[in-house]
PDB file of N, CA and C in Angstrom:
ATOM      1  N   MET A   1     -71.528 131.343-145.437  1.00  0.00           N
ATOM      2  CA  MET A   1     -71.089 131.261-146.799  1.00  0.00           C
ATOM      3  C   MET A   1     -70.527 129.864-147.093  1.00  0.00           C
ATOM      4  N   ILE A   2     -69.699 129.363-146.197  1.00  0.00           N
ATOM      5  CA  ILE A   2     -69.112 128.037-146.393  1.00  0.00           C
ATOM      6  C   ILE A   2     -70.214 126.984-146.432  1.00  0.00           C
ATOM      7  N   ALA A   3     -71.139 127.061-145.475  1.00  0.00           N
ATOM      8  CA  ALA A   3     -72.234 126.085-145.413  1.00  0.00           C
ATOM      9  C   ALA A   3     -73.102 126.150-146.656  1.00  0.00           C
ATOM     10  N   ARG A   4     -73.375 127.365-147.137  1.00  0.00           N
ATOM     11  CA  ARG A   4     -74.198 127.504-148.359  1.00  0.00           C
ATOM     12  C   ARG A   4     -73.550 126.824-149.548  1.00  0.00           C
ATOM     13  N   GLU A   5     -72.263 127.026-149.697  1.00  0.00           N
ATOM     14  CA  GLU A   5     -71.557 126.414-150.826  1.00  0.00           C
ATOM     15  C   GLU A   5     -71.553 124.900-150.698  1.00  0.00           C
ATOM     16  N   ARG A   6     -71.348 124.418-149.493  1.00  0.00           N
ATOM     17  CA  ARG A   6     -71.361 122.970-149.275  1.00  0.00           C
ATOM     18  C   ARG A   6     -72.750 122.390-149.555  1.00  0.00           C
ATOM     19  N   GLU A   7     -73.804 123.121-149.169  1.00  0.00           N
ATOM     20  CA  GLU A   7     -75.171 122.678-149.439  1.00  0.00           C
ATOM     21  C   GLU A   7     -75.435 122.557-150.937  1.00  0.00           C
ATOM     22  N   LYS A   8     -74.780 123.409-151.722  1.00  0.00           N
ATOM     23  CA  LYS A   8     -74.927 123.359-153.181  1.00  0.00           C
ATOM     24  C   LYS A   8     -74.137 122.204-153.785  1.00  0.00           C
ATOM     25  N   GLY A   9     -73.314 121.555-152.960  1.00  0.00           N
ATOM     26  CA  GLY A   9     -72.484 120.472-153.462  1.00  0.00           C
ATOM     27  C   GLY A   9     -71.122 120.929-153.959  1.00  0.00           C
ATOM     28  N   VAL A  10     -70.800 122.191-153.705  1.00  0.00           N
ATOM     29  CA  VAL A  10     -69.511 122.736-154.117  1.00  0.00           C
ATOM     30  C   VAL A  10     -68.450 122.255-153.134  1.00  0.00           C
ATOM     31  N   PRO A  11     -67.385 121.619-153.623  1.00  0.00           N
ATOM     32  CA  PRO A  11     -66.314 121.214-152.702  1.00  0.00           C
ATOM     33  C   PRO A  11     -65.619 122.454-152.135  1.00  0.00           C
ATOM     34  N   VAL A  12     -65.506 122.515-150.828  1.00  0.00           N
ATOM     35  CA  VAL A  12     -64.909 123.669-150.156  1.00  0.00           C
ATOM     36  C   VAL A  12     -63.755 123.184-149.299  1.00  0.00           C
ATOM     37  N   LEU A  13     -62.600 123.807-149.472  1.00  0.00           N
ATOM     38  CA  LEU A  13     -61.430 123.493-148.668  1.00  0.00           C
ATOM     39  C   LEU A  13     -61.109 124.713-147.821  1.00  0.00           C
ATOM     40  N   VAL A  14     -61.197 124.561-146.498  1.00  0.00           N
ATOM     41  CA  VAL A  14     -60.923 125.664-145.585  1.00  0.00           C
ATOM     42  C   VAL A  14     -59.570 125.421-144.935  1.00  0.00           C
ATOM     43  N   LEU A  15     -58.679 126.406-145.066  1.00  0.00           N
ATOM     44  CA  LEU A  15     -57.336 126.333-144.498  1.00  0.00           C
ATOM     45  C   LEU A  15     -57.085 127.579-143.667  1.00  0.00           C
ATOM     46  N   ASP A  16     -56.147 127.501-142.743  1.00  0.00           N
ATOM     47  CA  ASP A  16     -55.751 128.660-141.956  1.00  0.00           C
ATOM     48  C   ASP A  16     -54.245 128.842-142.083  1.00  0.00           C
ATOM     49  N   ALA A  17     -53.828 130.072-142.340  1.00  0.00           N
ATOM     50  CA  ALA A  17     -52.417 130.372-142.562  1.00  0.00           C
ATOM     51  C   ALA A  17     -51.626 130.544-141.266  1.00  0.00           C
ATOM     52  N   GLY A  18     -52.281 130.426-140.125  1.00  0.00           N
ATOM     53  CA  GLY A  18     -51.563 130.516-138.854  1.00  0.00           C
ATOM     54  C   GLY A  18     -51.653 131.872-138.197  1.00  0.00           C
ATOM     55  N   ASN A  19     -51.107 131.949-136.982  1.00  0.00           N
ATOM     56  CA  ASN A  19     -51.151 133.151-136.155  1.00  0.00           C
ATOM     57  C   ASN A  19     -52.574 133.577-135.852  1.00  0.00           C
ATOM     58  N   ALA A  20     -53.464 132.603-135.693  1.00  0.00           N
ATOM     59  CA  ALA A  20     -54.874 132.884-135.465  1.00  0.00           C
ATOM     60  C   ALA A  20     -55.260 132.886-133.992  1.00  0.00           C
ATOM     61  N   LEU A  21     -54.529 132.202-133.152  1.00  0.00           N
ATOM     62  CA  LEU A  21     -55.007 131.934-131.797  1.00  0.00           C
ATOM     63  C   LEU A  21     -54.742 133.039-130.785  1.00  0.00           C
ATOM     64  N   PHE A  22     -53.675 133.758-130.944  1.00  0.00           N
ATOM     65  CA  PHE A  22     -53.316 134.791-129.975  1.00  0.00           C
ATOM     66  C   PHE A  22     -52.974 136.088-130.688  1.00  0.00           C
ATOM     67  N   LYS A  23     -53.142 137.189-129.957  1.00  0.00           N
ATOM     68  CA  LYS A  23     -52.871 138.504-130.537  1.00  0.00           C
ATOM     69  C   LYS A  23     -51.390 138.872-130.505  1.00  0.00           C
ATOM     70  N   HIS A  24     -50.637 138.217-129.617  1.00  0.00           N
ATOM     71  CA  HIS A  24     -49.224 138.553-129.438  1.00  0.00           C
ATOM     72  C   HIS A  24     -48.375 137.282-129.449  1.00  0.00           C
ATOM     73  N   PRO A  25     -47.105 137.378-129.857  1.00  0.00           N
ATOM     74  CA  PRO A  25     -46.246 136.191-129.894  1.00  0.00           C
ATOM     75  C   PRO A  25     -45.926 135.621-128.518  1.00  0.00           C
ATOM     76  N   ARG A  26     -46.058 136.422-127.477  1.00  0.00           N
ATOM     77  CA  ARG A  26     -45.819 135.953-126.109  1.00  0.00           C
ATOM     78  C   ARG A  26     -47.039 136.273-125.269  1.00  0.00           C
ATOM     79  N   SER A  27     -47.277 135.453-124.293  1.00  0.00           N
ATOM     80  CA  SER A  27     -48.427 135.663-123.419  1.00  0.00           C
ATOM     81  C   SER A  27     -48.325 137.012-122.721  1.00  0.00           C
ATOM     82  N   THR A  28     -49.443 137.712-122.682  1.00  0.00           N
ATOM     83  CA  THR A  28     -49.493 139.005-121.980  1.00  0.00           C
ATOM     84  C   THR A  28     -50.032 138.837-120.572  1.00  0.00           C
ATOM     85  N   GLY A  29     -50.462 137.616-120.238  1.00  0.00           N
ATOM     86  CA  GLY A  29     -51.036 137.364-118.928  1.00  0.00           C
ATOM     87  C   GLY A  29     -52.523 137.674-118.862  1.00  0.00           C
ATOM     88  N   ASP A  30     -53.091 138.084-119.967  1.00  0.00           N
ATOM     89  CA  ASP A  30     -54.528 138.374-120.022  1.00  0.00           C
ATOM     90  C   ASP A  30     -55.306 137.097-119.734  1.00  0.00           C
ATOM     91  N   LYS A  31     -56.252 137.159-118.819  1.00  0.00           N
ATOM     92  CA  LYS A  31     -57.021 135.976-118.428  1.00  0.00           C
ATOM     93  C   LYS A  31     -57.873 135.420-119.566  1.00  0.00           C
ATOM     94  N   ASN A  32     -58.090 136.206-120.605  1.00  0.00           N
ATOM     95  CA  ASN A  32     -58.926 135.763-121.730  1.00  0.00           C
ATOM     96  C   ASN A  32     -58.137 135.085-122.853  1.00  0.00           C
ATOM     97  N   GLU A  33     -56.815 135.093-122.760  1.00  0.00           N
ATOM     98  CA  GLU A  33     -55.998 134.498-123.836  1.00  0.00           C
ATOM     99  C   GLU A  33     -56.328 133.023-124.073  1.00  0.00           C
ATOM    100  N   LYS A  34     -56.288 132.250-123.027  1.00  0.00           N
ATOM    101  CA  LYS A  34     -56.490 130.805-123.158  1.00  0.00           C
ATOM    102  C   LYS A  34     -57.910 130.464-123.616  1.00  0.00           C
ATOM    103  N   PRO A  35     -58.956 131.002-122.963  1.00  0.00           N
ATOM    104  CA  PRO A  35     -60.308 130.677-123.431  1.00  0.00           C
ATOM    105  C   PRO A  35     -60.559 131.116-124.875  1.00  0.00           C
ATOM    106  N   ARG A  36     -59.989 132.261-125.275  1.00  0.00           N
ATOM    107  CA  ARG A  36     -60.151 132.749-126.649  1.00  0.00           C
ATOM    108  C   ARG A  36     -59.524 131.773-127.633  1.00  0.00           C
ATOM    109  N   ALA A  37     -58.309 131.324-127.335  1.00  0.00           N
ATOM    110  CA  ALA A  37     -57.618 130.380-128.221  1.00  0.00           C
ATOM    111  C   ALA A  37     -58.369 129.062-128.312  1.00  0.00           C
ATOM    112  N   GLU A  38     -58.872 128.577-127.177  1.00  0.00           N
ATOM    113  CA  GLU A  38     -59.642 127.327-127.175  1.00  0.00           C
ATOM    114  C   GLU A  38     -60.911 127.475-128.003  1.00  0.00           C
ATOM    115  N   LEU A  39     -61.579 128.620-127.885  1.00  0.00           N
ATOM    116  CA  LEU A  39     -62.785 128.878-128.669  1.00  0.00           C
ATOM    117  C   LEU A  39     -62.461 128.918-130.161  1.00  0.00           C
ATOM    118  N   LEU A  40     -61.372 129.582-130.518  1.00  0.00           N
ATOM    119  CA  LEU A  40     -60.992 129.652-131.932  1.00  0.00           C
ATOM    120  C   LEU A  40     -60.718 128.262-132.504  1.00  0.00           C
ATOM    121  N   LEU A  41     -60.036 127.420-131.754  1.00  0.00           N
ATOM    122  CA  LEU A  41     -59.779 126.057-132.225  1.00  0.00           C
ATOM    123  C   LEU A  41     -61.091 125.291-132.433  1.00  0.00           C
ATOM    124  N   LYS A  42     -62.019 125.440-131.505  1.00  0.00           N
ATOM    125  CA  LYS A  42     -63.312 124.762-131.631  1.00  0.00           C
ATOM    126  C   LYS A  42     -64.087 125.283-132.833  1.00  0.00           C
ATOM    127  N   GLN A  43     -64.041 126.588-133.040  1.00  0.00           N
ATOM    128  CA  GLN A  43     -64.780 127.175-134.152  1.00  0.00           C
ATOM    129  C   GLN A  43     -64.161 126.798-135.499  1.00  0.00           C
ATOM    130  N   MET A  44     -62.848 126.748-135.551  1.00  0.00           N
ATOM    131  CA  MET A  44     -62.182 126.329-136.784  1.00  0.00           C
ATOM    132  C   MET A  44     -62.570 124.889-137.114  1.00  0.00           C
ATOM    133  N   ASP A  45     -62.648 124.051-136.087  1.00  0.00           N
ATOM    134  CA  ASP A  45     -63.055 122.668-136.293  1.00  0.00           C
ATOM    135  C   ASP A  45     -64.512 122.607-136.753  1.00  0.00           C
ATOM    136  N   ALA A  46     -65.382 123.420-136.142  1.00  0.00           N
ATOM    137  CA  ALA A  46     -66.800 123.445-136.513  1.00  0.00           C
ATOM    138  C   ALA A  46     -66.990 123.900-137.955  1.00  0.00           C
ATOM    139  N   LEU A  47     -66.120 124.776-138.432  1.00  0.00           N
ATOM    140  CA  LEU A  47     -66.187 125.244-139.821  1.00  0.00           C
ATOM    141  C   LEU A  47     -65.658 124.205-140.809  1.00  0.00           C
ATOM    142  N   GLY A  48     -65.019 123.178-140.267  1.00  0.00           N
ATOM    143  CA  GLY A  48     -64.453 122.155-141.138  1.00  0.00           C
ATOM    144  C   GLY A  48     -63.086 122.528-141.685  1.00  0.00           C
ATOM    145  N   THR A  49     -62.359 123.352-140.943  1.00  0.00           N
ATOM    146  CA  THR A  49     -61.006 123.728-141.365  1.00  0.00           C
ATOM    147  C   THR A  49     -60.165 122.459-141.458  1.00  0.00           C
ATOM    148  N   ALA A  50     -59.580 122.224-142.625  1.00  0.00           N
ATOM    149  CA  ALA A  50     -58.835 120.988-142.865  1.00  0.00           C
ATOM    150  C   ALA A  50     -57.433 121.026-142.267  1.00  0.00           C
ATOM    151  N   ALA A  51     -56.776 122.186-142.348  1.00  0.00           N
ATOM    152  CA  ALA A  51     -55.398 122.280-141.863  1.00  0.00           C
ATOM    153  C   ALA A  51     -55.070 123.716-141.469  1.00  0.00           C
ATOM    154  N   MET A  52     -54.156 123.830-140.528  1.00  0.00           N
ATOM    155  CA  MET A  52     -53.694 125.131-140.066  1.00  0.00           C
ATOM    156  C   MET A  52     -52.176 125.117-140.003  1.00  0.00           C
ATOM    157  N   ALA A  53     -51.553 126.104-140.606  1.00  0.00           N
ATOM    158  CA  ALA A  53     -50.115 126.274-140.465  1.00  0.00           C
ATOM    159  C   ALA A  53     -49.870 126.894-139.093  1.00  0.00           C
ATOM    160  N   VAL A  54     -48.990 126.324-138.314  1.00  0.00           N
ATOM    161  CA  VAL A  54     -48.702 126.831-136.978  1.00  0.00           C
ATOM    162  C   VAL A  54     -47.778 128.036-137.095  1.00  0.00           C
ATOM    163  N   GLY A  55     -48.267 129.184-136.622  1.00  0.00           N
ATOM    164  CA  GLY A  55     -47.470 130.407-136.621  1.00  0.00           C
ATOM    165  C   GLY A  55     -46.926 130.687-135.232  1.00  0.00           C
ATOM    166  N   ALA A  56     -46.027 131.643-135.137  1.00  0.00           N
ATOM    167  CA  ALA A  56     -45.405 131.978-133.851  1.00  0.00           C
ATOM    168  C   ALA A  56     -46.433 132.356-132.795  1.00  0.00           C
ATOM    169  N   ARG A  57     -47.454 133.099-133.182  1.00  0.00           N
ATOM    170  CA  ARG A  57     -48.468 133.522-132.201  1.00  0.00           C
ATOM    171  C   ARG A  57     -49.348 132.368-131.745  1.00  0.00           C
ATOM    172  N   ASP A  58     -49.415 131.291-132.508  1.00  0.00           N
ATOM    173  CA  ASP A  58     -50.190 130.122-132.083  1.00  0.00           C
ATOM    174  C   ASP A  58     -49.494 129.379-130.947  1.00  0.00           C
ATOM    175  N   LEU A  59     -48.241 129.704-130.712  1.00  0.00           N
ATOM    176  CA  LEU A  59     -47.453 129.050-129.670  1.00  0.00           C
ATOM    177  C   LEU A  59     -47.257 129.928-128.435  1.00  0.00           C
ATOM    178  N   SER A  60     -48.069 130.971-128.311  1.00  0.00           N
ATOM    179  CA  SER A  60     -47.910 131.915-127.199  1.00  0.00           C
ATOM    180  C   SER A  60     -47.963 131.264-125.828  1.00  0.00           C
ATOM    181  N   LEU A  61     -48.764 130.221-125.669  1.00  0.00           N
ATOM    182  CA  LEU A  61     -48.833 129.519-124.387  1.00  0.00           C
ATOM    183  C   LEU A  61     -48.085 128.191-124.432  1.00  0.00           C
ATOM    184  N   GLY A  62     -47.273 128.011-125.446  1.00  0.00           N
ATOM    185  CA  GLY A  62     -46.422 126.833-125.534  1.00  0.00           C
ATOM    186  C   GLY A  62     -46.945 125.732-126.431  1.00  0.00           C
ATOM    187  N   LEU A  63     -46.048 124.862-126.787  1.00  0.00           N
ATOM    188  CA  LEU A  63     -46.333 123.737-127.674  1.00  0.00           C
ATOM    189  C   LEU A  63     -47.344 122.777-127.051  1.00  0.00           C
ATOM    190  N   GLU A  64     -47.192 122.502-125.762  1.00  0.00           N
ATOM    191  CA  GLU A  64     -48.103 121.557-125.109  1.00  0.00           C
ATOM    192  C   GLU A  64     -49.530 122.093-125.057  1.00  0.00           C
ATOM    193  N   PHE A  65     -49.689 123.403-124.856  1.00  0.00           N
ATOM    194  CA  PHE A  65     -51.029 123.978-124.881  1.00  0.00           C
ATOM    195  C   PHE A  65     -51.660 123.785-126.255  1.00  0.00           C
ATOM    196  N   LEU A  66     -50.911 124.066-127.303  1.00  0.00           N
ATOM    197  CA  LEU A  66     -51.445 123.925-128.657  1.00  0.00           C
ATOM    198  C   LEU A  66     -51.807 122.477-128.950  1.00  0.00           C
ATOM    199  N   ARG A  67     -50.928 121.574-128.614  1.00  0.00           N
ATOM    200  CA  ARG A  67     -51.223 120.146-128.824  1.00  0.00           C
ATOM    201  C   ARG A  67     -52.476 119.731-128.057  1.00  0.00           C
ATOM    202  N   GLY A  68     -52.558 120.132-126.803  1.00  0.00           N
ATOM    203  CA  GLY A  68     -53.710 119.771-125.978  1.00  0.00           C
ATOM    204  C   GLY A  68     -54.999 120.384-126.491  1.00  0.00           C
ATOM    205  N   GLY A  69     -54.924 121.634-126.918  1.00  0.00           N
ATOM    206  CA  GLY A  69     -56.107 122.313-127.433  1.00  0.00           C
ATOM    207  C   GLY A  69     -56.596 121.732-128.741  1.00  0.00           C
ATOM    208  N   ALA A  70     -55.693 121.131-129.484  1.00  0.00           N
ATOM    209  CA  ALA A  70     -56.052 120.562-130.785  1.00  0.00           C
ATOM    210  C   ALA A  70     -56.470 119.095-130.694  1.00  0.00           C
ATOM    211  N   LYS A  71     -56.353 118.509-129.509  1.00  0.00           N
ATOM    212  CA  LYS A  71     -56.793 117.114-129.363  1.00  0.00           C
ATOM    213  C   LYS A  71     -58.286 117.034-129.601  1.00  0.00           C
ATOM    214  N   GLY A  72     -58.687 116.060-130.379  1.00  0.00           N
ATOM    215  CA  GLY A  72     -60.102 115.862-130.651  1.00  0.00           C
ATOM    216  C   GLY A  72     -60.634 116.649-131.826  1.00  0.00           C
ATOM    217  N   VAL A  73     -59.826 117.553-132.382  1.00  0.00           N
ATOM    218  CA  VAL A  73     -60.276 118.271-133.580  1.00  0.00           C
ATOM    219  C   VAL A  73     -59.762 117.545-134.817  1.00  0.00           C
ATOM    220  N   LYS A  74     -60.507 117.647-135.895  1.00  0.00           N
ATOM    221  CA  LYS A  74     -60.118 116.981-137.142  1.00  0.00           C
ATOM    222  C   LYS A  74     -59.042 117.751-137.890  1.00  0.00           C
ATOM    223  N   MET A  75     -58.944 119.042-137.631  1.00  0.00           N
ATOM    224  CA  MET A  75     -57.991 119.905-138.320  1.00  0.00           C
ATOM    225  C   MET A  75     -56.555 119.440-138.063  1.00  0.00           C
ATOM    226  N   LYS A  76     -55.761 119.404-139.115  1.00  0.00           N
ATOM    227  CA  LYS A  76     -54.356 119.014-138.992  1.00  0.00           C
ATOM    228  C   LYS A  76     -53.506 120.258-138.764  1.00  0.00           C
ATOM    229  N   LEU A  77     -52.593 120.173-137.799  1.00  0.00           N
ATOM    230  CA  LEU A  77     -51.637 121.243-137.556  1.00  0.00           C
ATOM    231  C   LEU A  77     -50.379 120.934-138.350  1.00  0.00           C
ATOM    232  N   LEU A  78     -49.871 121.936-139.068  1.00  0.00           N
ATOM    233  CA  LEU A  78     -48.713 121.735-139.939  1.00  0.00           C
ATOM    234  C   LEU A  78     -47.628 122.762-139.651  1.00  0.00           C
ATOM    235  N   SER A  79     -46.387 122.360-139.802  1.00  0.00           N
ATOM    236  CA  SER A  79     -45.264 123.290-139.719  1.00  0.00           C
ATOM    237  C   SER A  79     -44.058 122.677-140.407  1.00  0.00           C
ATOM    238  N   ALA A  80     -43.512 123.406-141.350  1.00  0.00           N
ATOM    239  CA  ALA A  80     -42.352 122.919-142.092  1.00  0.00           C
ATOM    240  C   ALA A  80     -41.030 123.325-141.435  1.00  0.00           C
ATOM    241  N   ASN A  81     -41.080 124.239-140.460  1.00  0.00           N
ATOM    242  CA  ASN A  81     -39.820 124.744-139.913  1.00  0.00           C
ATOM    243  C   ASN A  81     -39.723 124.722-138.397  1.00  0.00           C
ATOM    244  N   LEU A  82     -40.678 124.116-137.726  1.00  0.00           N
ATOM    245  CA  LEU A  82     -40.671 124.091-136.270  1.00  0.00           C
ATOM    246  C   LEU A  82     -40.074 122.786-135.770  1.00  0.00           C
ATOM    247  N   VAL A  83     -39.164 122.890-134.792  1.00  0.00           N
ATOM    248  CA  VAL A  83     -38.607 121.702-134.141  1.00  0.00           C
ATOM    249  C   VAL A  83     -38.636 121.923-132.632  1.00  0.00           C
ATOM    250  N   ASP A  84     -38.744 120.822-131.884  1.00  0.00           N
ATOM    251  CA  ASP A  84     -38.739 120.935-130.430  1.00  0.00           C
ATOM    252  C   ASP A  84     -37.300 120.952-129.921  1.00  0.00           C
ATOM    253  N   LYS A  85     -37.126 120.946-128.614  1.00  0.00           N
ATOM    254  CA  LYS A  85     -35.779 121.014-128.019  1.00  0.00           C
ATOM    255  C   LYS A  85     -34.899 119.849-128.436  1.00  0.00           C
ATOM    256  N   GLY A  86     -35.513 118.710-128.740  1.00  0.00           N
ATOM    257  CA  GLY A  86     -34.759 117.533-129.164  1.00  0.00           C
ATOM    258  C   GLY A  86     -34.483 117.498-130.660  1.00  0.00           C
ATOM    259  N   GLY A  87     -34.923 118.541-131.384  1.00  0.00           N
ATOM    260  CA  GLY A  87     -34.700 118.604-132.823  1.00  0.00           C
ATOM    261  C   GLY A  87     -35.746 117.865-133.643  1.00  0.00           C
ATOM    262  N   LYS A  88     -36.815 117.402-132.982  1.00  0.00           N
ATOM    263  CA  LYS A  88     -37.866 116.658-133.680  1.00  0.00           C
ATOM    264  C   LYS A  88     -38.993 117.599-134.103  1.00  0.00           C
ATOM    265  N   ALA A  89     -39.530 117.364-135.286  1.00  0.00           N
ATOM    266  CA  ALA A  89     -40.659 118.158-135.775  1.00  0.00           C
ATOM    267  C   ALA A  89     -41.930 117.739-135.028  1.00  0.00           C
ATOM    268  N   PRO A  90     -42.589 118.663-134.321  1.00  0.00           N
ATOM    269  CA  PRO A  90     -43.786 118.302-133.572  1.00  0.00           C
ATOM    270  C   PRO A  90     -45.035 118.143-134.442  1.00  0.00           C
ATOM    271  N   PHE A  91     -44.976 118.663-135.655  1.00  0.00           N
ATOM    272  CA  PHE A  91     -46.102 118.587-136.583  1.00  0.00           C
ATOM    273  C   PHE A  91     -45.579 118.205-137.958  1.00  0.00           C
ATOM    274  N   PRO A  92     -46.393 117.535-138.757  1.00  0.00           N
ATOM    275  CA  PRO A  92     -45.964 117.234-140.113  1.00  0.00           C
ATOM    276  C   PRO A  92     -45.787 118.513-140.930  1.00  0.00           C
ATOM    277  N   ALA A  93     -44.928 118.456-141.925  1.00  0.00           N
ATOM    278  CA  ALA A  93     -44.673 119.625-142.771  1.00  0.00           C
ATOM    279  C   ALA A  93     -45.764 119.839-143.801  1.00  0.00           C
ATOM    280  N   SER A  94     -46.476 118.793-144.153  1.00  0.00           N
ATOM    281  CA  SER A  94     -47.507 118.918-145.189  1.00  0.00           C
ATOM    282  C   SER A  94     -48.557 117.828-145.006  1.00  0.00           C
ATOM    283  N   THR A  95     -49.585 117.925-145.798  1.00  0.00           N
ATOM    284  CA  THR A  95     -50.633 116.915-145.803  1.00  0.00           C
ATOM    285  C   THR A  95     -51.235 116.841-147.194  1.00  0.00           C
ATOM    286  N   VAL A  96     -51.857 115.743-147.504  1.00  0.00           N
ATOM    287  CA  VAL A  96     -52.566 115.575-148.765  1.00  0.00           C
ATOM    288  C   VAL A  96     -54.032 115.372-148.428  1.00  0.00           C
ATOM    289  N   LEU A  97     -54.873 116.164-149.057  1.00  0.00           N
ATOM    290  CA  LEU A  97     -56.313 116.073-148.805  1.00  0.00           C
ATOM    291  C   LEU A  97     -57.038 115.759-150.099  1.00  0.00           C
ATOM    292  N   ASN A  98     -58.070 114.955-149.999  1.00  0.00           N
ATOM    293  CA  ASN A  98     -58.891 114.630-151.163  1.00  0.00           C
ATOM    294  C   ASN A  98     -60.223 115.317-151.060  1.00  0.00           C
TER     295      ASN A  98
END
């Protein structure tokens, strides 16, 4: 559907509201958690997702996993209320897209 609209020349903005990568807020130890999350990030990038709000479930394997998994993707990770142990925001709160 997204590709069809883009082929017609219709501008399409794809966003994700977060909590997409994991089924639970904490790791359950399931061996498929990590590969599933990595696949979802790749697929979101392939769809041309412009930005994703980071939800609690997206951090199930930690901040470093999310950062590492998002390296090389065009999608921007956003969070207006997340801070690391040092009080620094690990992601921008917003973005402007044209």
